[in-house]
Amino acid sequence: MIDTKKIDEVINQSGINLEGISIRNVGILAGKIEDALSIKYIRMDMGIPGLLAPDAGIEEHKAALNNADSAQYCSFAGTP
């Protein structure tokens, strides 16, 4: 059974506003809930389908693939 009171407590303590929450904050909040409940949360990242990628982004992806920079994900906290 999932302790929904503990989840509410984590959300309230986080100070994160759930209305219009960013993808980054969803990840942060999921991590905090995982820690509080000692269970792994199924991660299903979100996005906005139907938007074309900008040319600059496409070129950066190509460069990253050519340099093998795509072999790791950075954390939600960003890269050092």
N, C-alpha and C. Protein backbone atom coordinates (compact mmCIF):
# COMPACT_ATOMS: atom_id res chain seq x y z
N MET A 1 0.84 -1.18 0.00
CA MET A 1 0.00 0.00 0.00
C MET A 1 0.89 1.25 0.00
N ILE A 2 0.57 2.20 -0.81
CA ILE A 2 1.34 3.44 -0.89
C ILE A 2 0.81 4.43 0.14
N ASP A 3 1.73 5.01 0.89
CA ASP A 3 1.38 5.97 1.94
C ASP A 3 1.14 7.35 1.31
N THR A 4 -0.10 7.63 0.96
CA THR A 4 -0.43 8.89 0.29
C THR A 4 -0.24 10.10 1.21
N LYS A 5 -0.37 9.90 2.51
CA LYS A 5 -0.12 11.01 3.45
C LYS A 5 1.34 11.42 3.40
N LYS A 6 2.24 10.44 3.30
CA LYS A 6 3.67 10.73 3.20
C LYS A 6 3.96 11.47 1.89
N ILE A 7 3.30 11.07 0.81
CA ILE A 7 3.48 11.75 -0.48
C ILE A 7 3.04 13.20 -0.37
N ASP A 8 1.87 13.43 0.22
CA ASP A 8 1.39 14.80 0.42
C ASP A 8 2.37 15.61 1.25
N GLU A 9 2.94 14.98 2.27
CA GLU A 9 3.91 15.65 3.14
C GLU A 9 5.15 16.06 2.35
N VAL A 10 5.65 15.14 1.52
CA VAL A 10 6.83 15.43 0.70
C VAL A 10 6.54 16.58 -0.26
N ILE A 11 5.38 16.55 -0.90
CA ILE A 11 5.00 17.61 -1.84
C ILE A 11 4.92 18.95 -1.11
N ASN A 12 4.27 18.98 0.03
CA ASN A 12 4.14 20.22 0.80
C ASN A 12 5.49 20.75 1.26
N GLN A 13 6.37 19.86 1.71
CA GLN A 13 7.69 20.27 2.18
C GLN A 13 8.60 20.73 1.04
N SER A 14 8.34 20.23 -0.17
CA SER A 14 9.20 20.58 -1.30
C SER A 14 9.05 22.04 -1.72
N GLY A 15 7.87 22.60 -1.48
CA GLY A 15 7.62 23.97 -1.91
C GLY A 15 7.37 24.09 -3.40
N ILE A 16 7.29 22.96 -4.09
CA ILE A 16 7.06 22.96 -5.54
C ILE A 16 5.57 23.12 -5.81
N ASN A 17 5.23 24.08 -6.65
CA ASN A 17 3.84 24.32 -7.03
C ASN A 17 3.47 23.32 -8.13
N LEU A 18 2.48 22.48 -7.87
CA LEU A 18 2.10 21.45 -8.85
C LEU A 18 1.35 22.01 -10.04
N GLU A 19 0.84 23.21 -9.93
CA GLU A 19 0.14 23.83 -11.06
C GLU A 19 1.18 24.35 -12.04
N GLY A 20 1.26 23.75 -13.20
CA GLY A 20 2.24 24.16 -14.20
C GLY A 20 3.65 23.68 -13.88
N ILE A 21 3.78 22.59 -13.14
CA ILE A 21 5.08 22.07 -12.73
C ILE A 21 5.95 21.75 -13.95
N SER A 22 7.23 22.06 -13.86
CA SER A 22 8.16 21.79 -14.96
C SER A 22 8.59 20.33 -14.95
N ILE A 23 9.08 19.87 -16.08
CA ILE A 23 9.58 18.50 -16.18
C ILE A 23 10.70 18.28 -15.18
N ARG A 24 11.59 19.25 -15.05
CA ARG A 24 12.70 19.14 -14.09
C ARG A 24 12.17 18.95 -12.68
N ASN A 25 11.15 19.73 -12.30
CA ASN A 25 10.60 19.61 -10.95
C ASN A 25 9.82 18.32 -10.75
N VAL A 26 9.22 17.78 -11.81
CA VAL A 26 8.58 16.46 -11.70
C VAL A 26 9.63 15.43 -11.32
N GLY A 27 10.78 15.49 -11.99
CA GLY A 27 11.87 14.56 -11.69
C GLY A 27 12.40 14.71 -10.28
N ILE A 28 12.57 15.96 -9.86
CA ILE A 28 13.05 16.22 -8.50
C ILE A 28 12.05 15.69 -7.48
N LEU A 29 10.79 15.97 -7.70
CA LEU A 29 9.74 15.54 -6.77
C LEU A 29 9.64 14.01 -6.75
N ALA A 30 9.71 13.37 -7.90
CA ALA A 30 9.67 11.91 -7.95
C ALA A 30 10.82 11.31 -7.15
N GLY A 31 12.00 11.91 -7.25
CA GLY A 31 13.15 11.45 -6.47
C GLY A 31 12.94 11.58 -4.98
N LYS A 32 12.36 12.70 -4.56
CA LYS A 32 12.08 12.91 -3.14
C LYS A 32 11.04 11.91 -2.63
N ILE A 33 10.04 11.63 -3.45
CA ILE A 33 9.01 10.65 -3.06
C ILE A 33 9.62 9.25 -2.99
N GLU A 34 10.47 8.92 -3.95
CA GLU A 34 11.17 7.63 -3.91
C GLU A 34 11.93 7.47 -2.60
N ASP A 35 12.68 8.50 -2.23
CA ASP A 35 13.47 8.45 -1.00
C ASP A 35 12.58 8.29 0.23
N ALA A 36 11.49 9.05 0.27
CA ALA A 36 10.61 9.02 1.44
C ALA A 36 9.90 7.68 1.59
N LEU A 37 9.55 7.05 0.48
CA LEU A 37 8.79 5.80 0.53
C LEU A 37 9.68 4.56 0.39
N SER A 38 10.96 4.78 0.07
CA SER A 38 11.90 3.67 -0.16
C SER A 38 11.39 2.72 -1.25
N ILE A 39 10.81 3.31 -2.31
CA ILE A 39 10.38 2.53 -3.47
C ILE A 39 10.84 3.24 -4.73
N LYS A 40 11.03 2.48 -5.80
CA LYS A 40 11.41 3.08 -7.08
C LYS A 40 10.16 3.49 -7.82
N TYR A 41 10.21 4.66 -8.41
CA TYR A 41 9.08 5.22 -9.15
C TYR A 41 9.31 4.97 -10.63
N ILE A 42 8.28 4.60 -11.35
CA ILE A 42 8.41 4.39 -12.79
C ILE A 42 8.56 5.76 -13.45
N ARG A 43 9.68 5.96 -14.14
CA ARG A 43 9.96 7.25 -14.78
C ARG A 43 9.47 7.22 -16.22
N MET A 44 8.61 8.16 -16.55
CA MET A 44 8.12 8.30 -17.91
C MET A 44 8.19 9.79 -18.25
N ASP A 45 9.33 10.19 -18.79
CA ASP A 45 9.53 11.61 -19.08
C ASP A 45 8.45 12.14 -20.00
N MET A 46 8.20 13.41 -19.86
CA MET A 46 7.15 14.07 -20.63
C MET A 46 7.76 14.99 -21.68
N GLY A 47 6.99 15.31 -22.66
CA GLY A 47 7.42 16.25 -23.68
C GLY A 47 6.21 16.84 -24.37
N ILE A 48 6.45 17.65 -25.37
CA ILE A 48 5.37 18.26 -26.12
C ILE A 48 5.47 17.76 -27.55
N PRO A 49 4.66 16.76 -27.93
CA PRO A 49 4.74 16.23 -29.28
C PRO A 49 4.24 17.23 -30.32
N GLY A 50 4.76 17.11 -31.51
CA GLY A 50 4.27 17.94 -32.61
C GLY A 50 5.08 19.20 -32.84
N LEU A 51 6.01 19.53 -31.96
CA LEU A 51 6.84 20.71 -32.17
C LEU A 51 8.09 20.31 -32.94
N LEU A 52 8.41 21.06 -33.97
CA LEU A 52 9.62 20.78 -34.74
C LEU A 52 10.85 21.21 -33.96
N ALA A 53 11.90 20.43 -34.08
CA ALA A 53 13.15 20.77 -33.41
C ALA A 53 13.81 21.94 -34.15
N PRO A 54 14.36 22.91 -33.42
CA PRO A 54 15.05 24.01 -34.09
C PRO A 54 16.35 23.52 -34.73
N ASP A 55 16.76 24.18 -35.80
CA ASP A 55 17.98 23.78 -36.53
C ASP A 55 19.20 23.73 -35.61
N ALA A 56 19.32 24.70 -34.71
CA ALA A 56 20.47 24.73 -33.80
C ALA A 56 20.50 23.47 -32.93
N GLY A 57 19.33 23.03 -32.47
CA GLY A 57 19.25 21.82 -31.65
C GLY A 57 19.64 20.58 -32.44
N ILE A 58 19.20 20.52 -33.68
CA ILE A 58 19.53 19.38 -34.53
C ILE A 58 21.04 19.30 -34.75
N GLU A 59 21.65 20.45 -35.04
CA GLU A 59 23.10 20.47 -35.27
C GLU A 59 23.87 20.08 -34.01
N GLU A 60 23.40 20.52 -32.84
CA GLU A 60 24.07 20.16 -31.58
C GLU A 60 23.93 18.66 -31.30
N HIS A 61 22.78 18.09 -31.64
CA HIS A 61 22.59 16.65 -31.47
C HIS A 61 23.56 15.88 -32.37
N LYS A 62 23.71 16.33 -33.60
CA LYS A 62 24.64 15.68 -34.52
C LYS A 62 26.06 15.74 -33.97
N ALA A 63 26.44 16.91 -33.47
CA ALA A 63 27.79 17.06 -32.92
C ALA A 63 27.99 16.15 -31.71
N ALA A 64 26.99 16.06 -30.85
CA ALA A 64 27.09 15.20 -29.67
C ALA A 64 27.22 13.73 -30.08
N LEU A 65 26.46 13.32 -31.07
CA LEU A 65 26.55 11.93 -31.54
C LEU A 65 27.92 11.64 -32.14
N ASN A 66 28.45 12.59 -32.89
CA ASN A 66 29.77 12.41 -33.50
C ASN A 66 30.87 12.34 -32.45
N ASN A 67 30.67 12.99 -31.30
CA ASN A 67 31.67 13.00 -30.23
C ASN A 67 31.38 12.00 -29.13
N ALA A 68 30.39 11.14 -29.31
CA ALA A 68 29.98 10.13 -28.33
C ALA A 68 29.54 10.76 -27.01
N ASP A 69 29.08 12.01 -27.05
CA ASP A 69 28.59 12.67 -25.85
C ASP A 69 27.22 12.16 -25.43
N SER A 70 26.61 11.35 -26.27
CA SER A 70 25.24 10.90 -26.00
C SER A 70 25.21 9.59 -25.21
N ALA A 71 26.35 9.14 -24.72
CA ALA A 71 26.40 7.85 -24.04
C ALA A 71 25.90 7.91 -22.60
N GLN A 72 25.68 9.11 -22.07
CA GLN A 72 25.24 9.24 -20.68
C GLN A 72 24.16 10.31 -20.59
N TYR A 73 23.28 10.16 -19.60
CA TYR A 73 22.30 11.20 -19.30
C TYR A 73 22.84 12.05 -18.17
N CYS A 74 22.55 13.33 -18.21
CA CYS A 74 22.92 14.16 -17.07
C CYS A 74 21.81 14.05 -16.03
N SER A 75 22.12 14.40 -14.80
CA SER A 75 21.12 14.33 -13.74
C SER A 75 20.15 15.50 -13.88
N PHE A 76 19.02 15.43 -13.17
CA PHE A 76 18.06 16.53 -13.20
C PHE A 76 18.69 17.81 -12.66
N ALA A 77 19.70 17.66 -11.82
CA ALA A 77 20.36 18.82 -11.25
C ALA A 77 21.29 19.50 -12.26
N GLY A 78 21.51 18.86 -13.41
CA GLY A 78 22.38 19.43 -14.42
C GLY A 78 23.76 18.82 -14.37
N THR A 79 24.64 19.30 -15.22
CA THR A 79 26.01 18.78 -15.24
C THR A 79 26.91 19.74 -14.48
N PRO A 80 27.89 19.19 -13.78
CA PRO A 80 28.79 20.07 -13.01
C PRO A 80 29.69 20.90 -13.90
